PDB file of N, CA and C in Angstrom:
ATOM      1  N   MET A   1      -6.694   6.258 -17.806  1.00  0.00           N
ATOM      2  CA  MET A   1      -5.912   5.665 -16.740  1.00  0.00           C
ATOM      3  C   MET A   1      -6.819   5.030 -15.690  1.00  0.00           C
ATOM      4  N   LYS A   2      -7.954   5.682 -15.404  1.00  0.00           N
ATOM      5  CA  LYS A   2      -8.868   5.177 -14.379  1.00  0.00           C
ATOM      6  C   LYS A   2      -9.376   3.785 -14.726  1.00  0.00           C
ATOM      7  N   ASN A   3      -9.628   3.513 -16.008  1.00  0.00           N
ATOM      8  CA  ASN A   3     -10.103   2.201 -16.433  1.00  0.00           C
ATOM      9  C   ASN A   3      -8.970   1.179 -16.495  1.00  0.00           C
ATOM     10  N   LEU A   4      -7.755   1.664 -16.619  1.00  0.00           N
ATOM     11  CA  LEU A   4      -6.605   0.780 -16.725  1.00  0.00           C
ATOM     12  C   LEU A   4      -6.271   0.125 -15.388  1.00  0.00           C
ATOM     13  N   ILE A   5      -6.454   0.832 -14.293  1.00  0.00           N
ATOM     14  CA  ILE A   5      -6.081   0.305 -12.974  1.00  0.00           C
ATOM     15  C   ILE A   5      -6.851  -0.973 -12.631  1.00  0.00           C
ATOM     16  N   PRO A   6      -8.192  -1.006 -12.757  1.00  0.00           N
ATOM     17  CA  PRO A   6      -8.885  -2.266 -12.452  1.00  0.00           C
ATOM     18  C   PRO A   6      -8.404  -3.435 -13.325  1.00  0.00           C
ATOM     19  N   ALA A   7      -8.111  -3.150 -14.584  1.00  0.00           N
ATOM     20  CA  ALA A   7      -7.599  -4.208 -15.465  1.00  0.00           C
ATOM     21  C   ALA A   7      -6.245  -4.708 -14.988  1.00  0.00           C
ATOM     22  N   LEU A   8      -5.390  -3.798 -14.559  1.00  0.00           N
ATOM     23  CA  LEU A   8      -4.079  -4.202 -14.042  1.00  0.00           C
ATOM     24  C   LEU A   8      -4.212  -4.995 -12.753  1.00  0.00           C
ATOM     25  N   VAL A   9      -5.113  -4.578 -11.889  1.00  0.00           N
ATOM     26  CA  VAL A   9      -5.338  -5.315 -10.640  1.00  0.00           C
ATOM     27  C   VAL A   9      -5.783  -6.738 -10.963  1.00  0.00           C
ATOM     28  N   SER A  10      -6.715  -6.878 -11.876  1.00  0.00           N
ATOM     29  CA  SER A  10      -7.199  -8.208 -12.253  1.00  0.00           C
ATOM     30  C   SER A  10      -6.068  -9.062 -12.800  1.00  0.00           C
ATOM     31  N   THR A  11      -5.214  -8.463 -13.607  1.00  0.00           N
ATOM     32  CA  THR A  11      -4.086  -9.189 -14.175  1.00  0.00           C
ATOM     33  C   THR A  11      -3.129  -9.645 -13.087  1.00  0.00           C
ATOM     34  N   VAL A  12      -2.817  -8.766 -12.167  1.00  0.00           N
ATOM     35  CA  VAL A  12      -1.905  -9.120 -11.074  1.00  0.00           C
ATOM     36  C   VAL A  12      -2.494 -10.250 -10.251  1.00  0.00           C
ATOM     37  N   VAL A  13      -3.785 -10.182  -9.945  1.00  0.00           N
ATOM     38  CA  VAL A  13      -4.438 -11.221  -9.155  1.00  0.00           C
ATOM     39  C   VAL A  13      -4.405 -12.549  -9.905  1.00  0.00           C
ATOM     40  N   LEU A  14      -4.690 -12.515 -11.188  1.00  0.00           N
ATOM     41  CA  LEU A  14      -4.706 -13.751 -11.970  1.00  0.00           C
ATOM     42  C   LEU A  14      -3.319 -14.356 -12.117  1.00  0.00           C
ATOM     43  N   LEU A  15      -2.294 -13.529 -12.139  1.00  0.00           N
ATOM     44  CA  LEU A  15      -0.934 -14.023 -12.307  1.00  0.00           C
ATOM     45  C   LEU A  15      -0.266 -14.398 -10.990  1.00  0.00           C
ATOM     46  N   ALA A  16      -0.906 -14.106  -9.891  1.00  0.00           N
ATOM     47  CA  ALA A  16      -0.331 -14.453  -8.590  1.00  0.00           C
ATOM     48  C   ALA A  16      -0.224 -15.966  -8.486  1.00  0.00           C
ATOM     49  N   PRO A  17       0.846 -16.448  -7.880  1.00  0.00           N
ATOM     50  CA  PRO A  17       1.002 -17.900  -7.767  1.00  0.00           C
ATOM     51  C   PRO A  17      -0.139 -18.530  -6.968  1.00  0.00           C
ATOM     52  N   VAL A  18      -0.565 -19.685  -7.415  1.00  0.00           N
ATOM     53  CA  VAL A  18      -1.618 -20.413  -6.712  1.00  0.00           C
ATOM     54  C   VAL A  18      -1.081 -20.793  -5.337  1.00  0.00           C
ATOM     55  N   GLY A  19      -1.900 -20.596  -4.312  1.00  0.00           N
ATOM     56  CA  GLY A  19      -1.475 -20.927  -2.962  1.00  0.00           C
ATOM     57  C   GLY A  19      -0.576 -19.867  -2.345  1.00  0.00           C
ATOM     58  N   ALA A  20      -0.557 -18.685  -2.944  1.00  0.00           N
ATOM     59  CA  ALA A  20       0.270 -17.608  -2.391  1.00  0.00           C
ATOM     60  C   ALA A  20      -0.177 -17.324  -0.961  1.00  0.00           C
ATOM     61  N   ARG A  21       0.772 -16.963  -0.136  1.00  0.00           N
ATOM     62  CA  ARG A  21       0.456 -16.727   1.270  1.00  0.00           C
ATOM     63  C   ARG A  21      -0.424 -15.497   1.420  1.00  0.00           C
ATOM     64  N   ALA A  22      -1.166 -15.469   2.480  1.00  0.00           N
ATOM     65  CA  ALA A  22      -2.008 -14.315   2.781  1.00  0.00           C
ATOM     66  C   ALA A  22      -1.128 -13.145   3.191  1.00  0.00           C
ATOM     67  N   ALA A  23      -1.583 -11.951   2.904  1.00  0.00           N
ATOM     68  CA  ALA A  23      -0.827 -10.755   3.268  1.00  0.00           C
ATOM     69  C   ALA A  23      -0.723 -10.657   4.792  1.00  0.00           C
ATOM     70  N   ASP A  24       0.397 -10.145   5.254  1.00  0.00           N
ATOM     71  CA  ASP A  24       0.700 -10.042   6.678  1.00  0.00           C
ATOM     72  C   ASP A  24       0.699  -8.571   7.088  1.00  0.00           C
ATOM     73  N   ALA A  25      -0.392  -8.125   7.705  1.00  0.00           N
ATOM     74  CA  ALA A  25      -0.533  -6.717   8.097  1.00  0.00           C
ATOM     75  C   ALA A  25       0.516  -6.309   9.131  1.00  0.00           C
ATOM     76  N   GLU A  26       0.918  -7.217   9.999  1.00  0.00           N
ATOM     77  CA  GLU A  26       1.951  -6.890  11.000  1.00  0.00           C
ATOM     78  C   GLU A  26       3.283  -6.593  10.319  1.00  0.00           C
ATOM     79  N   ASN A  27       3.628  -7.394   9.323  1.00  0.00           N
ATOM     80  CA  ASN A  27       4.842  -7.109   8.565  1.00  0.00           C
ATOM     81  C   ASN A  27       4.678  -5.798   7.804  1.00  0.00           C
ATOM     82  N   GLY A  28       3.476  -5.549   7.295  1.00  0.00           N
ATOM     83  CA  GLY A  28       3.200  -4.287   6.612  1.00  0.00           C
ATOM     84  C   GLY A  28       3.413  -3.097   7.529  1.00  0.00           C
ATOM     85  N   LYS A  29       3.026  -3.238   8.775  1.00  0.00           N
ATOM     86  CA  LYS A  29       3.234  -2.156   9.752  1.00  0.00           C
ATOM     87  C   LYS A  29       4.729  -1.917   9.961  1.00  0.00           C
ATOM     88  N   ARG A  30       5.493  -2.999  10.084  1.00  0.00           N
ATOM     89  CA  ARG A  30       6.955  -2.849  10.231  1.00  0.00           C
ATOM     90  C   ARG A  30       7.560  -2.151   9.013  1.00  0.00           C
ATOM     91  N   LEU A  31       7.109  -2.537   7.824  1.00  0.00           N
ATOM     92  CA  LEU A  31       7.604  -1.899   6.594  1.00  0.00           C
ATOM     93  C   LEU A  31       7.237  -0.415   6.574  1.00  0.00           C
ATOM     94  N   ALA A  32       5.999  -0.110   6.947  1.00  0.00           N
ATOM     95  CA  ALA A  32       5.533   1.280   6.961  1.00  0.00           C
ATOM     96  C   ALA A  32       6.369   2.121   7.921  1.00  0.00           C
ATOM     97  N   GLU A  33       6.619   1.585   9.090  1.00  0.00           N
ATOM     98  CA  GLU A  33       7.402   2.332  10.079  1.00  0.00           C
ATOM     99  C   GLU A  33       8.835   2.549   9.599  1.00  0.00           C
ATOM    100  N   ARG A  34       9.370   1.585   8.872  1.00  0.00           N
ATOM    101  CA  ARG A  34      10.750   1.688   8.392  1.00  0.00           C
ATOM    102  C   ARG A  34      10.869   2.567   7.144  1.00  0.00           C
ATOM    103  N   TRP A  35       9.956   2.395   6.161  1.00  0.00           N
ATOM    104  CA  TRP A  35      10.109   3.036   4.868  1.00  0.00           C
ATOM    105  C   TRP A  35       9.210   4.251   4.643  1.00  0.00           C
ATOM    106  N   CYS A  36       8.066   4.319   5.302  1.00  0.00           N
ATOM    107  CA  CYS A  36       7.061   5.318   4.934  1.00  0.00           C
ATOM    108  C   CYS A  36       6.888   6.442   5.954  1.00  0.00           C
ATOM    109  N   ALA A  37       7.296   6.208   7.198  1.00  0.00           N
ATOM    110  CA  ALA A  37       7.015   7.151   8.280  1.00  0.00           C
ATOM    111  C   ALA A  37       7.758   8.474   8.150  1.00  0.00           C
ATOM    112  N   THR A  38       8.754   8.543   7.321  1.00  0.00           N
ATOM    113  CA  THR A  38       9.439   9.811   7.101  1.00  0.00           C
ATOM    114  C   THR A  38       8.501  10.835   6.476  1.00  0.00           C
ATOM    115  N   CYS A  39       7.642  10.374   5.583  1.00  0.00           N
ATOM    116  CA  CYS A  39       6.736  11.281   4.879  1.00  0.00           C
ATOM    117  C   CYS A  39       5.281  11.154   5.339  1.00  0.00           C
ATOM    118  N   HIS A  40       4.807   9.928   5.521  1.00  0.00           N
ATOM    119  CA  HIS A  40       3.410   9.671   5.875  1.00  0.00           C
ATOM    120  C   HIS A  40       3.265   9.459   7.378  1.00  0.00           C
ATOM    121  N   ILE A  41       2.109   9.801   7.909  1.00  0.00           N
ATOM    122  CA  ILE A  41       1.754   9.352   9.250  1.00  0.00           C
ATOM    123  C   ILE A  41       1.206   7.951   9.051  1.00  0.00           C
ATOM    124  N   VAL A  42       1.920   6.956   9.579  1.00  0.00           N
ATOM    125  CA  VAL A  42       1.584   5.565   9.287  1.00  0.00           C
ATOM    126  C   VAL A  42       0.823   4.865  10.401  1.00  0.00           C
ATOM    127  N   SER A  43       0.693   5.506  11.563  1.00  0.00           N
ATOM    128  CA  SER A  43      -0.037   4.880  12.665  1.00  0.00           C
ATOM    129  C   SER A  43      -0.685   5.960  13.527  1.00  0.00           C
ATOM    130  N   PRO A  44      -1.670   5.576  14.298  1.00  0.00           N
ATOM    131  CA  PRO A  44      -2.355   6.560  15.152  1.00  0.00           C
ATOM    132  C   PRO A  44      -1.441   7.208  16.200  1.00  0.00           C
ATOM    133  N   VAL A  45      -0.357   6.562  16.553  1.00  0.00           N
ATOM    134  CA  VAL A  45       0.520   7.117  17.594  1.00  0.00           C
ATOM    135  C   VAL A  45       1.636   7.998  17.030  1.00  0.00           C
ATOM    136  N   GLN A  46       1.806   7.989  15.719  1.00  0.00           N
ATOM    137  CA  GLN A  46       2.853   8.817  15.117  1.00  0.00           C
ATOM    138  C   GLN A  46       2.450  10.286  15.188  1.00  0.00           C
ATOM    139  N   GLN A  47       3.360  11.138  15.586  1.00  0.00           N
ATOM    140  CA  GLN A  47       3.057  12.554  15.788  1.00  0.00           C
ATOM    141  C   GLN A  47       3.179  13.401  14.526  1.00  0.00           C
ATOM    142  N   ARG A  48       4.109  13.070  13.635  1.00  0.00           N
ATOM    143  CA  ARG A  48       4.244  13.922  12.455  1.00  0.00           C
ATOM    144  C   ARG A  48       4.778  13.173  11.245  1.00  0.00           C
ATOM    145  N   GLY A  49       4.399  13.680  10.094  1.00  0.00           N
ATOM    146  CA  GLY A  49       4.893  13.264   8.792  1.00  0.00           C
ATOM    147  C   GLY A  49       5.183  14.559   8.058  1.00  0.00           C
ATOM    148  N   THR A  50       4.930  14.600   6.768  1.00  0.00           N
ATOM    149  CA  THR A  50       5.046  15.868   6.049  1.00  0.00           C
ATOM    150  C   THR A  50       3.641  16.336   5.681  1.00  0.00           C
ATOM    151  N   THR A  51       3.515  17.592   5.384  1.00  0.00           N
ATOM    152  CA  THR A  51       2.214  18.124   4.990  1.00  0.00           C
ATOM    153  C   THR A  51       1.901  17.822   3.526  1.00  0.00           C
ATOM    154  N   GLN A  52       2.857  17.261   2.807  1.00  0.00           N
ATOM    155  CA  GLN A  52       2.678  16.999   1.385  1.00  0.00           C
ATOM    156  C   GLN A  52       2.172  15.590   1.094  1.00  0.00           C
ATOM    157  N   THR A  53       2.060  14.759   2.122  1.00  0.00           N
ATOM    158  CA  THR A  53       1.601  13.392   1.907  1.00  0.00           C
ATOM    159  C   THR A  53       0.446  13.075   2.860  1.00  0.00           C
ATOM    160  N   PRO A  54      -0.526  12.309   2.381  1.00  0.00           N
ATOM    161  CA  PRO A  54      -1.663  11.992   3.250  1.00  0.00           C
ATOM    162  C   PRO A  54      -1.293  10.932   4.290  1.00  0.00           C
ATOM    163  N   PRO A  55      -1.912  11.005   5.449  1.00  0.00           N
ATOM    164  CA  PRO A  55      -1.732   9.928   6.434  1.00  0.00           C
ATOM    165  C   PRO A  55      -2.304   8.626   5.882  1.00  0.00           C
ATOM    166  N   PHE A  56      -1.768   7.503   6.315  1.00  0.00           N
ATOM    167  CA  PHE A  56      -2.268   6.210   5.856  1.00  0.00           C
ATOM    168  C   PHE A  56      -3.749   6.036   6.181  1.00  0.00           C
ATOM    169  N   SER A  57      -4.200   6.566   7.309  1.00  0.00           N
ATOM    170  CA  SER A  57      -5.619   6.429   7.665  1.00  0.00           C
ATOM    171  C   SER A  57      -6.514   7.126   6.642  1.00  0.00           C
ATOM    172  N   GLU A  58      -6.049   8.231   6.093  1.00  0.00           N
ATOM    173  CA  GLU A  58      -6.811   8.955   5.069  1.00  0.00           C
ATOM    174  C   GLU A  58      -6.843   8.154   3.769  1.00  0.00           C
ATOM    175  N   ILE A  59      -5.728   7.552   3.420  1.00  0.00           N
ATOM    176  CA  ILE A  59      -5.668   6.718   2.210  1.00  0.00           C
ATOM    177  C   ILE A  59      -6.609   5.525   2.361  1.00  0.00           C
ATOM    178  N   ALA A  60      -6.602   4.916   3.535  1.00  0.00           N
ATOM    179  CA  ALA A  60      -7.432   3.730   3.787  1.00  0.00           C
ATOM    180  C   ALA A  60      -8.914   4.033   3.661  1.00  0.00           C
ATOM    181  N   LYS A  61      -9.323   5.252   3.955  1.00  0.00           N
ATOM    182  CA  LYS A  61     -10.744   5.611   3.942  1.00  0.00           C
ATOM    183  C   LYS A  61     -11.280   5.971   2.569  1.00  0.00           C
ATOM    184  N   LYS A  62     -10.428   6.053   1.569  1.00  0.00           N
ATOM    185  CA  LYS A  62     -10.905   6.374   0.224  1.00  0.00           C
ATOM    186  C   LYS A  62     -11.781   5.237  -0.285  1.00  0.00           C
ATOM    187  N   ASP A  63     -12.925   5.595  -0.849  1.00  0.00           N
ATOM    188  CA  ASP A  63     -13.909   4.601  -1.291  1.00  0.00           C
ATOM    189  C   ASP A  63     -13.352   3.592  -2.287  1.00  0.00           C
ATOM    190  N   HIS A  64     -12.532   4.032  -3.209  1.00  0.00           N
ATOM    191  CA  HIS A  64     -12.059   3.148  -4.272  1.00  0.00           C
ATOM    192  C   HIS A  64     -10.820   2.341  -3.882  1.00  0.00           C
ATOM    193  N   MET A  65     -10.303   2.529  -2.685  1.00  0.00           N
ATOM    194  CA  MET A  65      -9.079   1.839  -2.277  1.00  0.00           C
ATOM    195  C   MET A  65      -9.382   0.594  -1.466  1.00  0.00           C
ATOM    196  N   ASP A  66      -8.880  -0.514  -1.934  1.00  0.00           N
ATOM    197  CA  ASP A  66      -8.893  -1.736  -1.149  1.00  0.00           C
ATOM    198  C   ASP A  66      -7.462  -2.276  -1.171  1.00  0.00           C
ATOM    199  N   ALA A  67      -7.237  -3.394  -0.529  1.00  0.00           N
ATOM    200  CA  ALA A  67      -5.873  -3.914  -0.411  1.00  0.00           C
ATOM    201  C   ALA A  67      -5.261  -4.206  -1.779  1.00  0.00           C
ATOM    202  N   GLN A  68      -6.030  -4.745  -2.705  1.00  0.00           N
ATOM    203  CA  GLN A  68      -5.493  -5.057  -4.033  1.00  0.00           C
ATOM    204  C   GLN A  68      -5.100  -3.786  -4.782  1.00  0.00           C
ATOM    205  N   MET A  69      -5.954  -2.783  -4.723  1.00  0.00           N
ATOM    206  CA  MET A  69      -5.647  -1.517  -5.405  1.00  0.00           C
ATOM    207  C   MET A  69      -4.405  -0.856  -4.798  1.00  0.00           C
ATOM    208  N   LEU A  70      -4.305  -0.871  -3.483  1.00  0.00           N
ATOM    209  CA  LEU A  70      -3.144  -0.284  -2.825  1.00  0.00           C
ATOM    210  C   LEU A  70      -1.861  -1.022  -3.179  1.00  0.00           C
ATOM    211  N   ALA A  71      -1.915  -2.352  -3.175  1.00  0.00           N
ATOM    212  CA  ALA A  71      -0.722  -3.136  -3.517  1.00  0.00           C
ATOM    213  C   ALA A  71      -0.262  -2.822  -4.935  1.00  0.00           C
ATOM    214  N   LEU A  72      -1.203  -2.737  -5.854  1.00  0.00           N
ATOM    215  CA  LEU A  72      -0.855  -2.405  -7.231  1.00  0.00           C
ATOM    216  C   LEU A  72      -0.252  -1.006  -7.301  1.00  0.00           C
ATOM    217  N   PHE A  73      -0.873  -0.053  -6.619  1.00  0.00           N
ATOM    218  CA  PHE A  73      -0.364   1.313  -6.601  1.00  0.00           C
ATOM    219  C   PHE A  73       1.086   1.344  -6.104  1.00  0.00           C
ATOM    220  N   LEU A  74       1.368   0.569  -5.079  1.00  0.00           N
ATOM    221  CA  LEU A  74       2.712   0.548  -4.510  1.00  0.00           C
ATOM    222  C   LEU A  74       3.734  -0.077  -5.460  1.00  0.00           C
ATOM    223  N   LEU A  75       3.277  -0.954  -6.333  1.00  0.00           N
ATOM    224  CA  LEU A  75       4.189  -1.609  -7.271  1.00  0.00           C
ATOM    225  C   LEU A  75       4.426  -0.809  -8.541  1.00  0.00           C
ATOM    226  N   LEU A  76       3.457   0.028  -8.917  1.00  0.00           N
ATOM    227  CA  LEU A  76       3.601   0.823 -10.136  1.00  0.00           C
ATOM    228  C   LEU A  76       4.433   2.065  -9.859  1.00  0.00           C
ATOM    229  N   PRO A  77       5.325   2.413 -10.773  1.00  0.00           N
ATOM    230  CA  PRO A  77       6.101   3.637 -10.557  1.00  0.00           C
ATOM    231  C   PRO A  77       5.195   4.866 -10.612  1.00  0.00           C
ATOM    232  N   HIS A  78       5.423   5.777  -9.712  1.00  0.00           N
ATOM    233  CA  HIS A  78       4.700   7.044  -9.724  1.00  0.00           C
ATOM    234  C   HIS A  78       5.639   8.109  -9.180  1.00  0.00           C
ATOM    235  N   PRO A  79       5.565   9.293  -9.766  1.00  0.00           N
ATOM    236  CA  PRO A  79       6.595  10.305  -9.521  1.00  0.00           C
ATOM    237  C   PRO A  79       6.680  10.865  -8.111  1.00  0.00           C
ATOM    238  N   LYS A  80       5.611  10.840  -7.338  1.00  0.00           N
ATOM    239  CA  LYS A  80       5.658  11.488  -6.036  1.00  0.00           C
ATOM    240  C   LYS A  80       6.342  10.649  -4.968  1.00  0.00           C
ATOM    241  N   MET A  81       6.549   9.375  -5.223  1.00  0.00           N
ATOM    242  CA  MET A  81       7.176   8.512  -4.227  1.00  0.00           C
ATOM    243  C   MET A  81       8.482   7.952  -4.759  1.00  0.00           C
ATOM    244  N   PRO A  82       9.434   7.731  -3.862  1.00  0.00           N
ATOM    245  CA  PRO A  82      10.671   7.088  -4.305  1.00  0.00           C
ATOM    246  C   PRO A  82      10.402   5.628  -4.656  1.00  0.00           C
ATOM    247  N   ASP A  83      11.211   5.076  -5.520  1.00  0.00           N
ATOM    248  CA  ASP A  83      11.086   3.663  -5.868  1.00  0.00           C
ATOM    249  C   ASP A  83      11.691   2.847  -4.735  1.00  0.00           C
ATOM    250  N   MET A  84      10.833   2.171  -3.993  1.00  0.00           N
ATOM    251  CA  MET A  84      11.314   1.384  -2.865  1.00  0.00           C
ATOM    252  C   MET A  84      11.618  -0.048  -3.278  1.00  0.00           C
ATOM    253  N   SER A  85      11.361  -0.382  -4.531  1.00  0.00           N
ATOM    254  CA  SER A  85      11.598  -1.730  -5.058  1.00  0.00           C
ATOM    255  C   SER A  85      10.962  -2.797  -4.167  1.00  0.00           C
ATOM    256  N   LEU A  86       9.700  -2.600  -3.832  1.00  0.00           N
ATOM    257  CA  LEU A  86       8.984  -3.574  -3.019  1.00  0.00           C
ATOM    258  C   LEU A  86       8.720  -4.836  -3.825  1.00  0.00           C
ATOM    259  N   THR A  87       8.787  -5.963  -3.157  1.00  0.00           N
ATOM    260  CA  THR A  87       8.354  -7.200  -3.795  1.00  0.00           C
ATOM    261  C   THR A  87       6.833  -7.225  -3.777  1.00  0.00           C
ATOM    262  N   ARG A  88       6.233  -8.131  -4.531  1.00  0.00           N
ATOM    263  CA  ARG A  88       4.770  -8.248  -4.513  1.00  0.00           C
ATOM    264  C   ARG A  88       4.288  -8.596  -3.113  1.00  0.00           C
ATOM    265  N   SER A  89       5.031  -9.425  -2.427  1.00  0.00           N
ATOM    266  CA  SER A  89       4.668  -9.825  -1.070  1.00  0.00           C
ATOM    267  C   SER A  89       4.729  -8.635  -0.110  1.00  0.00           C
ATOM    268  N   GLU A  90       5.775  -7.826  -0.210  1.00  0.00           N
ATOM    269  CA  GLU A  90       5.894  -6.644   0.653  1.00  0.00           C
ATOM    270  C   GLU A  90       4.792  -5.633   0.360  1.00  0.00           C
ATOM    271  N   ALA A  91       4.483  -5.427  -0.926  1.00  0.00           N
ATOM    272  CA  ALA A  91       3.406  -4.504  -1.293  1.00  0.00           C
ATOM    273  C   ALA A  91       2.069  -4.995  -0.745  1.00  0.00           C
ATOM    274  N   ALA A  92       1.831  -6.296  -0.805  1.00  0.00           N
ATOM    275  CA  ALA A  92       0.590  -6.864  -0.271  1.00  0.00           C
ATOM    276  C   ALA A  92       0.526  -6.689   1.248  1.00  0.00           C
ATOM    277  N   ASP A  93       1.662  -6.901   1.921  1.00  0.00           N
ATOM    278  CA  ASP A  93       1.703  -6.733   3.376  1.00  0.00           C
ATOM    279  C   ASP A  93       1.439  -5.281   3.757  1.00  0.00           C
ATOM    280  N   LEU A  94       2.083  -4.369   3.072  1.00  0.00           N
ATOM    281  CA  LEU A  94       1.909  -2.946   3.345  1.00  0.00           C
ATOM    282  C   LEU A  94       0.459  -2.521   3.088  1.00  0.00           C
ATOM    283  N   ALA A  95      -0.106  -2.983   1.994  1.00  0.00           N
ATOM    284  CA  ALA A  95      -1.507  -2.667   1.671  1.00  0.00           C
ATOM    285  C   ALA A  95      -2.449  -3.252   2.725  1.00  0.00           C
ATOM    286  N   ALA A  96      -2.165  -4.468   3.183  1.00  0.00           N
ATOM    287  CA  ALA A  96      -3.005  -5.096   4.215  1.00  0.00           C
ATOM    288  C   ALA A  96      -2.970  -4.274   5.489  1.00  0.00           C
ATOM    289  N   TYR A  97      -1.804  -3.731   5.828  1.00  0.00           N
ATOM    290  CA  TYR A  97      -1.715  -2.875   7.015  1.00  0.00           C
ATOM    291  C   TYR A  97      -2.519  -1.603   6.818  1.00  0.00           C
ATOM    292  N   ILE A  98      -2.356  -0.955   5.677  1.00  0.00           N
ATOM    293  CA  ILE A  98      -3.038   0.315   5.434  1.00  0.00           C
ATOM    294  C   ILE A  98      -4.550   0.168   5.582  1.00  0.00           C
ATOM    295  N   VAL A  99      -5.113  -0.908   5.031  1.00  0.00           N
ATOM    296  CA  VAL A  99      -6.577  -1.054   5.117  1.00  0.00           C
ATOM    297  C   VAL A  99      -7.053  -1.329   6.538  1.00  0.00           C
ATOM    298  N   THR A 100      -6.169  -1.744   7.440  1.00  0.00           N
ATOM    299  CA  THR A 100      -6.579  -1.916   8.830  1.00  0.00           C
ATOM    300  C   THR A 100      -6.843  -0.574   9.504  1.00  0.00           C
ATOM    301  N   LEU A 101      -6.416   0.518   8.885  1.00  0.00           N
ATOM    302  CA  LEU A 101      -6.547   1.849   9.490  1.00  0.00           C
ATOM    303  C   LEU A 101      -7.847   2.548   9.113  1.00  0.00           C
ATOM    304  N   LYS A 102      -8.751   1.864   8.420  1.00  0.00           N
ATOM    305  CA  LYS A 102     -10.023   2.473   8.023  1.00  0.00           C
ATOM    306  C   LYS A 102     -10.802   2.988   9.183  1.00  0.00           C
TER     307      LYS A 102
END
């Protein structure tokens, strides 16, 4: 699985439409506050999340995580998170916000 993720990221990047807009971290912050703050601590001013999920700042500091990896992670189904049916653009925005918390 570890080797599969970089290949998937490369595929997603290559298939992205030419001239696609840049990710919008401000929109990502709005999405995080609306969809993620119930479980995750999504900003430095948020007081609580759950103890079962890492704060976004902790996710951002992981060595192997960059905006592309995070966006892909958000788009792939995984059992610990609900399916939020994010668009590629929303996932990119959310990932762009998360990496600002490094």
